Each structure stands twice: as C-alpha cells, then as structure tokens.
Amino acid sequence: MARSKEYDENIVLHRAMKLFWHQGYEKTSMQDLVAHMGIHRRSIYDNFGSKHALYMKALERYAETVEANLETQIKTLDSVKQGIRLLFEVAVHRKEHQPSGCFTVNTAVELAEHDREAMEKVMDRFSNTENLLHELVLCGQTSGEISDRHEAERLAQFLNNSLVGVRVLAKTSHDTQKMEEIIDVTLSVLD
C-alpha cells in the first residue's frame, strides 16, 4: 500500500522556489533543498524528479505567483504610466524576506547560456513581459497618456530591455535612489 504524502506539494515547491531564488542553482545542494523544504531526499526525487527538474518547476511557480500577481496589480491601476512604473518599482523595492533581484533574470544570468531549457523558460518570461508592456503602451498611446512619437512595439522592447537592466542592478546594488533616478530617466521616454 502506498503511503500518503505527509506534506503539501505547493508549500514545499514554494520553499524550493525561495531557496533557488536566493542562492541560485549551482549554490543550492540537494541537502540544502532537503533542509529548506522539510521533506526527505527520496520525496524530492519521487515527486519532482532531479534537482534540475525541481528548479524548472520552481521557475514556473515564480511566473505563476510573483509575476502573475504583479500583472494583475498593474491591470487594476487607473494609469498606464503607473502600471509601467510599478513594473520597475517592484524590481527596486523588494518585499521583506524576499530575495533580491528577479528569479527569472537571475536564471538568465546563471544558466541560460549553457542550459537550453532554462533559456527557453527565460525567453518565454521576457517575451511575456514585453507583450504586457506593448499592451500597456498601446493603451496609453490610444488614450493619449503616452506619446506616440515612438512605435509601440519598439518602445515596449526598449522598456523591457531597461527593466531587465534594472532587475540586474537591483540584485547587485542597494542604492535605491540611483535606481529610482534611472527609472525616472527611462520612463521619460513615455512623455
């Protein structure tokens, strides 16, 4: 007779996500995962597969929770510019007990060059963010809130590239004033 799980898979996956987000793939050992997730090594392998498979699932969980929640918040704002600014602000002002930087960008920097699956997931997330920015820019240009001197698609590409840069800087710097100034200059292109 098979034993029932003695843990909530969503909770332990969330714990793995936070650990990978904080330490990265290479610096996280299976023993770290066992200790942080609070389950046996065998349970990790049985339910998530390899360390790499668990990492990919953690990256998906990040997209499903952190990024999806942010997109929902943005779409409830009255101003398109506020929504775009929020994307940047979240990168700079992390919540308490939240690892620094963006898990997707961290993955891009650490793994994408030599891990095809990681690269595909990262590119999918970057594309999703660019599409969101494109949608926001189009909406803002239609309403007159954003200048139409730049083509919406090109503006979305520029903003997405800038956002990735701010996310990398947020991982390596705690100078929030400097990052706020960078955001202000970047978003001035919307006027």
N, C-alpha and C. Protein backbone atom coordinates (compact mmCIF):
# COMPACT_ATOMS: atom_id res chain seq x y z
N MET A 1 0.84 -1.17 0.00
CA MET A 1 0.00 0.00 0.00
C MET A 1 0.89 1.24 0.00
N ALA A 2 0.60 2.18 -0.88
CA ALA A 2 1.39 3.41 -0.99
C ALA A 2 1.09 4.34 0.18
N ARG A 3 2.14 4.97 0.68
CA ARG A 3 1.96 5.95 1.76
C ARG A 3 1.45 7.25 1.20
N SER A 4 0.61 7.92 1.95
CA SER A 4 0.13 9.22 1.51
C SER A 4 1.21 10.26 1.80
N LYS A 5 1.18 11.32 1.03
CA LYS A 5 2.15 12.39 1.24
C LYS A 5 1.92 13.04 2.59
N GLU A 6 2.99 13.34 3.25
CA GLU A 6 2.91 13.97 4.56
C GLU A 6 3.23 15.46 4.48
N TYR A 7 3.10 16.01 3.29
CA TYR A 7 3.39 17.43 3.09
C TYR A 7 2.52 17.96 1.96
N ASP A 8 2.41 19.28 1.93
CA ASP A 8 1.66 19.96 0.88
C ASP A 8 2.65 20.29 -0.24
N GLU A 9 2.44 19.72 -1.41
CA GLU A 9 3.36 19.91 -2.53
C GLU A 9 3.52 21.39 -2.90
N ASN A 10 2.45 22.17 -2.81
CA ASN A 10 2.54 23.60 -3.13
C ASN A 10 3.44 24.34 -2.16
N ILE A 11 3.35 23.98 -0.90
CA ILE A 11 4.17 24.64 0.12
C ILE A 11 5.65 24.31 -0.08
N VAL A 12 5.97 23.04 -0.29
CA VAL A 12 7.38 22.67 -0.44
C VAL A 12 7.95 23.20 -1.75
N LEU A 13 7.14 23.28 -2.79
CA LEU A 13 7.61 23.86 -4.05
C LEU A 13 7.89 25.35 -3.87
N HIS A 14 7.04 26.02 -3.11
CA HIS A 14 7.26 27.45 -2.83
C HIS A 14 8.56 27.64 -2.04
N ARG A 15 8.81 26.74 -1.11
CA ARG A 15 10.07 26.81 -0.34
C ARG A 15 11.28 26.61 -1.25
N ALA A 16 11.17 25.66 -2.17
CA ALA A 16 12.26 25.44 -3.12
C ALA A 16 12.47 26.67 -3.99
N MET A 17 11.37 27.28 -4.44
CA MET A 17 11.46 28.48 -5.26
C MET A 17 12.24 29.57 -4.52
N LYS A 18 11.88 29.81 -3.25
CA LYS A 18 12.55 30.86 -2.48
C LYS A 18 14.04 30.55 -2.30
N LEU A 19 14.37 29.29 -2.06
CA LEU A 19 15.77 28.91 -1.87
C LEU A 19 16.56 29.08 -3.16
N PHE A 20 16.04 28.58 -4.27
CA PHE A 20 16.73 28.75 -5.56
C PHE A 20 16.84 30.23 -5.91
N TRP A 21 15.79 30.99 -5.66
CA TRP A 21 15.78 32.42 -5.95
C TRP A 21 16.88 33.12 -5.15
N HIS A 22 17.04 32.72 -3.91
CA HIS A 22 18.04 33.35 -3.05
C HIS A 22 19.46 32.89 -3.37
N GLN A 23 19.67 31.60 -3.57
CA GLN A 23 21.03 31.05 -3.72
C GLN A 23 21.44 30.77 -5.15
N GLY A 24 20.48 30.59 -6.05
CA GLY A 24 20.81 30.19 -7.40
C GLY A 24 20.86 28.67 -7.51
N TYR A 25 21.01 28.19 -8.72
CA TYR A 25 21.01 26.75 -8.97
C TYR A 25 22.28 26.08 -8.46
N GLU A 26 23.41 26.59 -8.88
CA GLU A 26 24.69 25.93 -8.57
C GLU A 26 24.99 25.90 -7.08
N LYS A 27 24.64 26.96 -6.35
CA LYS A 27 24.98 27.03 -4.92
C LYS A 27 23.99 26.28 -4.03
N THR A 28 22.92 25.76 -4.63
CA THR A 28 21.93 25.03 -3.85
C THR A 28 22.17 23.53 -3.99
N SER A 29 22.49 22.90 -2.88
CA SER A 29 22.73 21.45 -2.90
C SER A 29 21.43 20.72 -2.60
N MET A 30 21.43 19.42 -2.87
CA MET A 30 20.27 18.61 -2.52
C MET A 30 20.04 18.64 -1.02
N GLN A 31 21.11 18.67 -0.24
CA GLN A 31 20.96 18.73 1.22
C GLN A 31 20.31 20.06 1.63
N ASP A 32 20.68 21.16 0.97
CA ASP A 32 20.02 22.44 1.23
C ASP A 32 18.52 22.34 0.96
N LEU A 33 18.17 21.69 -0.15
CA LEU A 33 16.76 21.53 -0.51
C LEU A 33 16.03 20.68 0.52
N VAL A 34 16.64 19.58 0.94
CA VAL A 34 16.03 18.71 1.96
C VAL A 34 15.75 19.53 3.23
N ALA A 35 16.75 20.25 3.68
CA ALA A 35 16.60 21.03 4.91
C ALA A 35 15.57 22.15 4.76
N HIS A 36 15.61 22.86 3.66
CA HIS A 36 14.73 24.01 3.47
C HIS A 36 13.28 23.61 3.15
N MET A 37 13.13 22.55 2.39
CA MET A 37 11.79 22.11 2.01
C MET A 37 11.13 21.30 3.12
N GLY A 38 11.94 20.70 4.00
CA GLY A 38 11.40 19.93 5.11
C GLY A 38 10.86 18.57 4.70
N ILE A 39 11.39 18.03 3.60
CA ILE A 39 10.99 16.69 3.17
C ILE A 39 12.23 15.86 2.88
N HIS A 40 12.05 14.57 2.76
CA HIS A 40 13.17 13.67 2.51
C HIS A 40 13.67 13.78 1.07
N ARG A 41 14.93 13.50 0.91
CA ARG A 41 15.56 13.50 -0.42
C ARG A 41 14.78 12.60 -1.38
N ARG A 42 14.39 11.43 -0.90
CA ARG A 42 13.65 10.49 -1.75
C ARG A 42 12.33 11.10 -2.23
N SER A 43 11.68 11.85 -1.37
CA SER A 43 10.42 12.52 -1.74
C SER A 43 10.65 13.57 -2.82
N ILE A 44 11.78 14.26 -2.73
CA ILE A 44 12.10 15.24 -3.77
C ILE A 44 12.24 14.55 -5.11
N TYR A 45 13.02 13.48 -5.13
CA TYR A 45 13.21 12.75 -6.38
C TYR A 45 11.91 12.12 -6.88
N ASP A 46 11.14 11.52 -5.98
CA ASP A 46 9.90 10.86 -6.38
C ASP A 46 8.86 11.83 -6.93
N ASN A 47 8.79 13.01 -6.34
CA ASN A 47 7.71 13.94 -6.71
C ASN A 47 8.13 15.05 -7.66
N PHE A 48 9.40 15.38 -7.69
CA PHE A 48 9.84 16.48 -8.54
C PHE A 48 10.88 16.05 -9.57
N GLY A 49 11.43 14.88 -9.44
CA GLY A 49 12.47 14.42 -10.35
C GLY A 49 13.83 14.89 -9.86
N SER A 50 14.65 15.30 -10.76
CA SER A 50 16.02 15.74 -10.44
C SER A 50 16.03 17.15 -9.86
N LYS A 51 17.18 17.56 -9.39
CA LYS A 51 17.36 18.93 -8.91
C LYS A 51 17.03 19.91 -10.04
N HIS A 52 17.46 19.60 -11.24
CA HIS A 52 17.18 20.47 -12.39
C HIS A 52 15.68 20.56 -12.66
N ALA A 53 15.00 19.44 -12.62
CA ALA A 53 13.55 19.44 -12.84
C ALA A 53 12.83 20.26 -11.76
N LEU A 54 13.29 20.13 -10.52
CA LEU A 54 12.73 20.92 -9.42
C LEU A 54 12.98 22.40 -9.66
N TYR A 55 14.16 22.75 -10.12
CA TYR A 55 14.48 24.15 -10.41
C TYR A 55 13.53 24.70 -11.48
N MET A 56 13.31 23.94 -12.54
CA MET A 56 12.42 24.38 -13.62
C MET A 56 10.99 24.56 -13.10
N LYS A 57 10.56 23.66 -12.21
CA LYS A 57 9.23 23.79 -11.62
C LYS A 57 9.17 25.01 -10.70
N ALA A 58 10.24 25.29 -10.00
CA ALA A 58 10.30 26.47 -9.13
C ALA A 58 10.24 27.75 -9.97
N LEU A 59 10.91 27.73 -11.11
CA LEU A 59 10.88 28.89 -12.01
C LEU A 59 9.46 29.10 -12.56
N GLU A 60 8.79 28.02 -12.88
CA GLU A 60 7.39 28.11 -13.33
C GLU A 60 6.51 28.66 -12.21
N ARG A 61 6.75 28.20 -10.98
CA ARG A 61 5.97 28.68 -9.84
C ARG A 61 6.16 30.18 -9.65
N TYR A 62 7.37 30.64 -9.86
CA TYR A 62 7.66 32.08 -9.77
C TYR A 62 6.79 32.84 -10.77
N ALA A 63 6.74 32.35 -11.99
CA ALA A 63 5.92 33.00 -13.02
C ALA A 63 4.44 32.97 -12.65
N GLU A 64 4.00 31.85 -12.11
CA GLU A 64 2.58 31.69 -11.75
C GLU A 64 2.17 32.54 -10.56
N THR A 65 3.09 32.83 -9.67
CA THR A 65 2.72 33.55 -8.45
C THR A 65 3.21 35.00 -8.49
N VAL A 66 4.49 35.19 -8.46
CA VAL A 66 5.05 36.54 -8.34
C VAL A 66 4.74 37.38 -9.58
N GLU A 67 5.07 36.88 -10.76
CA GLU A 67 4.86 37.66 -11.98
C GLU A 67 3.38 37.82 -12.29
N ALA A 68 2.59 36.77 -12.13
CA ALA A 68 1.16 36.86 -12.43
C ALA A 68 0.47 37.82 -11.48
N ASN A 69 0.86 37.83 -10.21
CA ASN A 69 0.28 38.76 -9.24
C ASN A 69 0.59 40.19 -9.62
N LEU A 70 1.80 40.44 -10.07
CA LEU A 70 2.19 41.78 -10.49
C LEU A 70 1.38 42.23 -11.70
N GLU A 71 1.20 41.35 -12.68
CA GLU A 71 0.41 41.70 -13.87
C GLU A 71 -1.02 42.04 -13.47
N THR A 72 -1.58 41.31 -12.54
CA THR A 72 -2.94 41.58 -12.07
C THR A 72 -3.01 42.95 -11.41
N GLN A 73 -2.03 43.27 -10.57
CA GLN A 73 -1.99 44.58 -9.91
C GLN A 73 -1.92 45.71 -10.94
N ILE A 74 -1.09 45.53 -11.95
CA ILE A 74 -0.90 46.56 -12.97
C ILE A 74 -2.21 46.84 -13.71
N LYS A 75 -2.93 45.80 -14.02
CA LYS A 75 -4.15 45.96 -14.81
C LYS A 75 -5.28 46.60 -14.01
N THR A 76 -5.14 46.72 -12.68
CA THR A 76 -6.17 47.36 -11.88
C THR A 76 -5.90 48.85 -11.67
N LEU A 77 -4.75 49.32 -12.08
CA LEU A 77 -4.41 50.74 -11.90
C LEU A 77 -5.14 51.60 -12.93
N ASP A 78 -5.39 52.83 -12.54
CA ASP A 78 -6.10 53.77 -13.43
C ASP A 78 -5.21 54.35 -14.51
N SER A 79 -3.92 54.37 -14.27
CA SER A 79 -2.97 54.99 -15.19
C SER A 79 -2.02 53.95 -15.77
N VAL A 80 -1.87 53.98 -17.08
CA VAL A 80 -0.94 53.08 -17.76
C VAL A 80 0.49 53.38 -17.31
N LYS A 81 0.82 54.64 -17.19
CA LYS A 81 2.17 55.01 -16.74
C LYS A 81 2.44 54.48 -15.33
N GLN A 82 1.43 54.53 -14.47
CA GLN A 82 1.60 53.97 -13.12
C GLN A 82 1.88 52.48 -13.20
N GLY A 83 1.22 51.80 -14.10
CA GLY A 83 1.43 50.36 -14.26
C GLY A 83 2.84 50.04 -14.73
N ILE A 84 3.30 50.81 -15.69
CA ILE A 84 4.67 50.59 -16.19
C ILE A 84 5.67 50.91 -15.09
N ARG A 85 5.44 52.00 -14.37
CA ARG A 85 6.34 52.36 -13.27
C ARG A 85 6.36 51.26 -12.21
N LEU A 86 5.19 50.68 -11.92
CA LEU A 86 5.12 49.62 -10.92
C LEU A 86 6.02 48.44 -11.29
N LEU A 87 6.07 48.08 -12.56
CA LEU A 87 6.96 47.01 -13.00
C LEU A 87 8.40 47.29 -12.58
N PHE A 88 8.81 48.53 -12.78
CA PHE A 88 10.18 48.92 -12.43
C PHE A 88 10.36 49.03 -10.91
N GLU A 89 9.38 49.62 -10.24
CA GLU A 89 9.48 49.84 -8.79
C GLU A 89 9.59 48.52 -8.03
N VAL A 90 8.85 47.51 -8.46
CA VAL A 90 8.89 46.22 -7.78
C VAL A 90 10.30 45.63 -7.84
N ALA A 91 11.00 45.88 -8.92
CA ALA A 91 12.37 45.37 -9.05
C ALA A 91 13.30 46.05 -8.04
N VAL A 92 13.03 47.29 -7.74
CA VAL A 92 13.91 48.07 -6.87
C VAL A 92 13.55 47.88 -5.39
N HIS A 93 12.27 47.87 -5.11
CA HIS A 93 11.81 47.81 -3.72
C HIS A 93 11.23 46.43 -3.42
N ARG A 94 12.10 45.53 -3.02
CA ARG A 94 11.64 44.17 -2.74
C ARG A 94 10.93 44.13 -1.40
N LYS A 95 10.05 43.15 -1.29
CA LYS A 95 9.32 42.95 -0.04
C LYS A 95 10.25 42.34 1.00
N GLU A 96 9.90 42.54 2.26
CA GLU A 96 10.67 41.96 3.35
C GLU A 96 10.72 40.44 3.20
N HIS A 97 11.85 39.86 3.46
CA HIS A 97 12.09 38.41 3.37
C HIS A 97 12.04 37.89 1.94
N GLN A 98 12.10 38.79 0.97
CA GLN A 98 12.11 38.36 -0.43
C GLN A 98 13.55 38.45 -0.93
N PRO A 99 14.01 37.43 -1.65
CA PRO A 99 15.37 37.50 -2.18
C PRO A 99 15.53 38.71 -3.11
N SER A 100 16.75 39.18 -3.25
CA SER A 100 16.98 40.33 -4.12
C SER A 100 16.98 39.90 -5.58
N GLY A 101 16.66 40.85 -6.42
CA GLY A 101 16.64 40.58 -7.85
C GLY A 101 15.39 39.84 -8.26
N CYS A 102 15.37 39.47 -9.50
CA CYS A 102 14.25 38.75 -10.11
C CYS A 102 14.72 37.32 -10.39
N PHE A 103 13.95 36.35 -9.99
CA PHE A 103 14.34 34.95 -10.17
C PHE A 103 14.55 34.63 -11.65
N THR A 104 13.71 35.18 -12.51
CA THR A 104 13.87 34.94 -13.94
C THR A 104 15.18 35.52 -14.46
N VAL A 105 15.47 36.75 -14.07
CA VAL A 105 16.72 37.39 -14.50
C VAL A 105 17.92 36.67 -13.89
N ASN A 106 17.81 36.27 -12.63
CA ASN A 106 18.89 35.51 -12.00
C ASN A 106 19.18 34.24 -12.79
N THR A 107 18.12 33.58 -13.25
CA THR A 107 18.27 32.36 -14.05
C THR A 107 18.94 32.68 -15.38
N ALA A 108 18.55 33.79 -15.98
CA ALA A 108 19.16 34.19 -17.26
C ALA A 108 20.66 34.37 -17.09
N VAL A 109 21.06 35.04 -16.03
CA VAL A 109 22.47 35.32 -15.80
C VAL A 109 23.24 34.04 -15.46
N GLU A 110 22.64 33.18 -14.65
CA GLU A 110 23.36 31.98 -14.19
C GLU A 110 23.32 30.82 -15.18
N LEU A 111 22.17 30.56 -15.79
CA LEU A 111 22.01 29.30 -16.52
C LEU A 111 21.75 29.39 -18.01
N ALA A 112 21.14 30.47 -18.47
CA ALA A 112 20.61 30.48 -19.84
C ALA A 112 21.66 30.21 -20.91
N GLU A 113 22.88 30.63 -20.68
CA GLU A 113 23.91 30.46 -21.70
C GLU A 113 24.24 28.99 -21.98
N HIS A 114 24.13 28.14 -20.96
CA HIS A 114 24.51 26.74 -21.14
C HIS A 114 23.40 25.73 -20.82
N ASP A 115 22.19 26.22 -20.59
CA ASP A 115 21.07 25.33 -20.26
C ASP A 115 19.89 25.70 -21.16
N ARG A 116 19.65 24.90 -22.16
CA ARG A 116 18.63 25.20 -23.17
C ARG A 116 17.23 25.36 -22.58
N GLU A 117 16.86 24.46 -21.67
CA GLU A 117 15.53 24.54 -21.06
C GLU A 117 15.38 25.83 -20.25
N ALA A 118 16.41 26.18 -19.50
CA ALA A 118 16.38 27.43 -18.74
C ALA A 118 16.27 28.62 -19.69
N MET A 119 17.04 28.60 -20.77
CA MET A 119 16.99 29.69 -21.74
C MET A 119 15.58 29.84 -22.32
N GLU A 120 14.95 28.72 -22.66
CA GLU A 120 13.60 28.79 -23.23
C GLU A 120 12.61 29.37 -22.23
N LYS A 121 12.71 28.97 -20.97
CA LYS A 121 11.81 29.50 -19.95
C LYS A 121 12.05 30.99 -19.73
N VAL A 122 13.30 31.39 -19.69
CA VAL A 122 13.64 32.79 -19.51
C VAL A 122 13.12 33.62 -20.69
N MET A 123 13.36 33.15 -21.89
CA MET A 123 12.91 33.89 -23.07
C MET A 123 11.39 33.99 -23.11
N ASP A 124 10.70 32.95 -22.67
CA ASP A 124 9.25 32.97 -22.60
C ASP A 124 8.78 34.04 -21.62
N ARG A 125 9.43 34.13 -20.47
CA ARG A 125 9.05 35.14 -19.47
C ARG A 125 9.37 36.55 -19.96
N PHE A 126 10.55 36.72 -20.58
CA PHE A 126 10.89 38.04 -21.12
C PHE A 126 9.89 38.46 -22.19
N SER A 127 9.52 37.52 -23.03
CA SER A 127 8.54 37.78 -24.08
C SER A 127 7.19 38.16 -23.48
N ASN A 128 6.81 37.48 -22.42
CA ASN A 128 5.54 37.79 -21.75
C ASN A 128 5.55 39.21 -21.21
N THR A 129 6.66 39.60 -20.58
CA THR A 129 6.77 40.96 -20.04
C THR A 129 6.75 41.99 -21.16
N GLU A 130 7.45 41.70 -22.25
CA GLU A 130 7.45 42.62 -23.39
C GLU A 130 6.05 42.76 -23.98
N ASN A 131 5.32 41.66 -24.04
CA ASN A 131 3.94 41.72 -24.55
C ASN A 131 3.05 42.55 -23.64
N LEU A 132 3.24 42.40 -22.32
CA LEU A 132 2.48 43.22 -21.37
C LEU A 132 2.81 44.69 -21.57
N LEU A 133 4.09 45.00 -21.70
CA LEU A 133 4.50 46.39 -21.93
C LEU A 133 3.92 46.92 -23.24
N HIS A 134 3.91 46.10 -24.27
CA HIS A 134 3.36 46.51 -25.56
C HIS A 134 1.87 46.84 -25.41
N GLU A 135 1.16 45.98 -24.71
CA GLU A 135 -0.26 46.20 -24.46
C GLU A 135 -0.49 47.50 -23.70
N LEU A 136 0.33 47.74 -22.68
CA LEU A 136 0.20 48.97 -21.88
C LEU A 136 0.53 50.21 -22.71
N VAL A 137 1.60 50.12 -23.49
CA VAL A 137 1.98 51.27 -24.32
C VAL A 137 0.89 51.58 -25.34
N LEU A 138 0.37 50.57 -26.00
CA LEU A 138 -0.71 50.78 -26.97
C LEU A 138 -1.91 51.43 -26.31
N CYS A 139 -2.28 50.94 -25.15
CA CYS A 139 -3.41 51.51 -24.41
C CYS A 139 -3.13 52.97 -24.07
N GLY A 140 -1.92 53.24 -23.61
CA GLY A 140 -1.54 54.61 -23.25
C GLY A 140 -1.48 55.54 -24.45
N GLN A 141 -1.03 55.02 -25.57
CA GLN A 141 -0.99 55.85 -26.78
C GLN A 141 -2.40 56.13 -27.29
N THR A 142 -3.26 55.16 -27.19
CA THR A 142 -4.65 55.33 -27.63
C THR A 142 -5.36 56.37 -26.77
N SER A 143 -5.11 56.35 -25.47
CA SER A 143 -5.77 57.30 -24.57
C SER A 143 -5.08 58.66 -24.55
N GLY A 144 -3.87 58.74 -25.11
CA GLY A 144 -3.13 60.00 -25.10
C GLY A 144 -2.23 60.16 -23.89
N GLU A 145 -2.21 59.19 -23.01
CA GLU A 145 -1.38 59.27 -21.80
C GLU A 145 0.11 59.10 -22.15
N ILE A 146 0.39 58.35 -23.21
CA ILE A 146 1.76 58.11 -23.65
C ILE A 146 1.92 58.70 -25.05
N SER A 147 3.03 59.35 -25.26
CA SER A 147 3.34 59.94 -26.57
C SER A 147 3.40 58.85 -27.64
N ASP A 148 2.98 59.22 -28.85
CA ASP A 148 3.05 58.25 -29.95
C ASP A 148 4.22 58.55 -30.89
N ARG A 149 5.19 59.31 -30.41
CA ARG A 149 6.35 59.62 -31.26
C ARG A 149 7.22 58.40 -31.53
N HIS A 150 7.09 57.35 -30.67
CA HIS A 150 7.80 56.09 -30.88
C HIS A 150 6.78 55.00 -31.18
N GLU A 151 7.13 54.09 -32.06
CA GLU A 151 6.27 52.96 -32.36
C GLU A 151 6.12 52.11 -31.09
N ALA A 152 4.90 51.69 -30.81
CA ALA A 152 4.60 50.97 -29.57
C ALA A 152 5.46 49.71 -29.40
N GLU A 153 5.66 48.96 -30.45
CA GLU A 153 6.45 47.73 -30.35
C GLU A 153 7.90 48.03 -29.98
N ARG A 154 8.47 49.06 -30.60
CA ARG A 154 9.87 49.42 -30.30
C ARG A 154 9.99 49.98 -28.89
N LEU A 155 9.01 50.73 -28.48
CA LEU A 155 9.01 51.29 -27.13
C LEU A 155 8.92 50.17 -26.09
N ALA A 156 8.09 49.17 -26.35
CA ALA A 156 7.97 48.03 -25.45
C ALA A 156 9.29 47.26 -25.37
N GLN A 157 9.98 47.11 -26.50
CA GLN A 157 11.27 46.43 -26.50
C GLN A 157 12.29 47.21 -25.66
N PHE A 158 12.31 48.51 -25.84
CA PHE A 158 13.21 49.37 -25.08
C PHE A 158 12.92 49.27 -23.58
N LEU A 159 11.66 49.37 -23.21
CA LEU A 159 11.28 49.31 -21.80
C LEU A 159 11.62 47.95 -21.19
N ASN A 160 11.37 46.89 -21.94
CA ASN A 160 11.68 45.56 -21.44
C ASN A 160 13.18 45.40 -21.22
N ASN A 161 13.97 45.86 -22.15
CA ASN A 161 15.43 45.80 -22.00
C ASN A 161 15.88 46.61 -20.78
N SER A 162 15.30 47.77 -20.62
CA SER A 162 15.65 48.61 -19.47
C SER A 162 15.23 47.95 -18.16
N LEU A 163 14.08 47.31 -18.17
CA LEU A 163 13.59 46.62 -16.98
C LEU A 163 14.52 45.48 -16.59
N VAL A 164 14.98 44.72 -17.56
CA VAL A 164 15.94 43.64 -17.27
C VAL A 164 17.19 44.24 -16.64
N GLY A 165 17.67 45.34 -17.17
CA GLY A 165 18.84 46.00 -16.62
C GLY A 165 18.63 46.45 -15.18
N VAL A 166 17.48 47.03 -14.89
CA VAL A 166 17.18 47.47 -13.53
C VAL A 166 17.10 46.26 -12.60
N ARG A 167 16.55 45.16 -13.10
CA ARG A 167 16.46 43.94 -12.28
C ARG A 167 17.85 43.40 -11.95
N VAL A 168 18.76 43.45 -12.90
CA VAL A 168 20.13 43.02 -12.63
C VAL A 168 20.78 43.96 -11.63
N LEU A 169 20.61 45.26 -11.82
CA LEU A 169 21.18 46.24 -10.90
C LEU A 169 20.63 46.06 -9.49
N ALA A 170 19.34 45.75 -9.38
CA ALA A 170 18.72 45.54 -8.07
C ALA A 170 19.34 44.35 -7.34
N LYS A 171 19.83 43.40 -8.09
CA LYS A 171 20.48 42.23 -7.49
C LYS A 171 21.86 42.58 -6.95
N THR A 172 22.50 43.55 -7.55
CA THR A 172 23.89 43.86 -7.21
C THR A 172 24.09 45.16 -6.43
N SER A 173 23.04 45.96 -6.30
CA SER A 173 23.18 47.26 -5.64
C SER A 173 22.02 47.50 -4.68
N HIS A 174 22.30 48.25 -3.64
CA HIS A 174 21.24 48.64 -2.69
C HIS A 174 21.01 50.14 -2.75
N ASP A 175 21.54 50.79 -3.78
CA ASP A 175 21.38 52.23 -3.95
C ASP A 175 20.05 52.53 -4.62
N THR A 176 18.99 52.54 -3.81
CA THR A 176 17.65 52.71 -4.38
C THR A 176 17.46 54.10 -5.00
N GLN A 177 18.11 55.10 -4.46
CA GLN A 177 17.99 56.44 -5.04
C GLN A 177 18.52 56.45 -6.47
N LYS A 178 19.66 55.84 -6.68
CA LYS A 178 20.25 55.76 -8.02
C LYS A 178 19.30 55.01 -8.97
N MET A 179 18.75 53.89 -8.50
CA MET A 179 17.84 53.12 -9.35
C MET A 179 16.56 53.89 -9.64
N GLU A 180 16.06 54.66 -8.67
CA GLU A 180 14.87 55.50 -8.90
C GLU A 180 15.16 56.55 -9.97
N GLU A 181 16.35 57.11 -9.93
CA GLU A 181 16.74 58.10 -10.94
C GLU A 181 16.82 57.46 -12.32
N ILE A 182 17.35 56.25 -12.39
CA ILE A 182 17.41 55.53 -13.67
C ILE A 182 16.00 55.27 -14.19
N ILE A 183 15.09 54.87 -13.30
CA ILE A 183 13.71 54.64 -13.69
C ILE A 183 13.09 55.91 -14.22
N ASP A 184 13.30 57.03 -13.53
CA ASP A 184 12.73 58.32 -13.98
C ASP A 184 13.19 58.67 -15.38
N VAL A 185 14.49 58.54 -15.65
CA VAL A 185 15.01 58.86 -16.98
C VAL A 185 14.46 57.89 -18.01
N THR A 186 14.43 56.60 -17.68
CA THR A 186 13.91 55.60 -18.61
C THR A 186 12.47 55.90 -18.98
N LEU A 187 11.65 56.18 -17.98
CA LEU A 187 10.23 56.40 -18.24
C LEU A 187 9.91 57.77 -18.85
N SER A 188 10.92 58.64 -18.88
CA SER A 188 10.70 59.95 -19.53
C SER A 188 10.44 59.79 -21.01
N VAL A 189 10.81 58.66 -21.58
CA VAL A 189 10.58 58.40 -22.99
C VAL A 189 9.07 58.28 -23.28
N LEU A 190 8.27 58.06 -22.26
CA LEU A 190 6.83 57.95 -22.43
C LEU A 190 6.12 59.29 -22.63
N ASP A 191 6.82 60.36 -22.26
CA ASP A 191 6.21 61.72 -22.36
C ASP A 191 6.24 62.25 -23.78
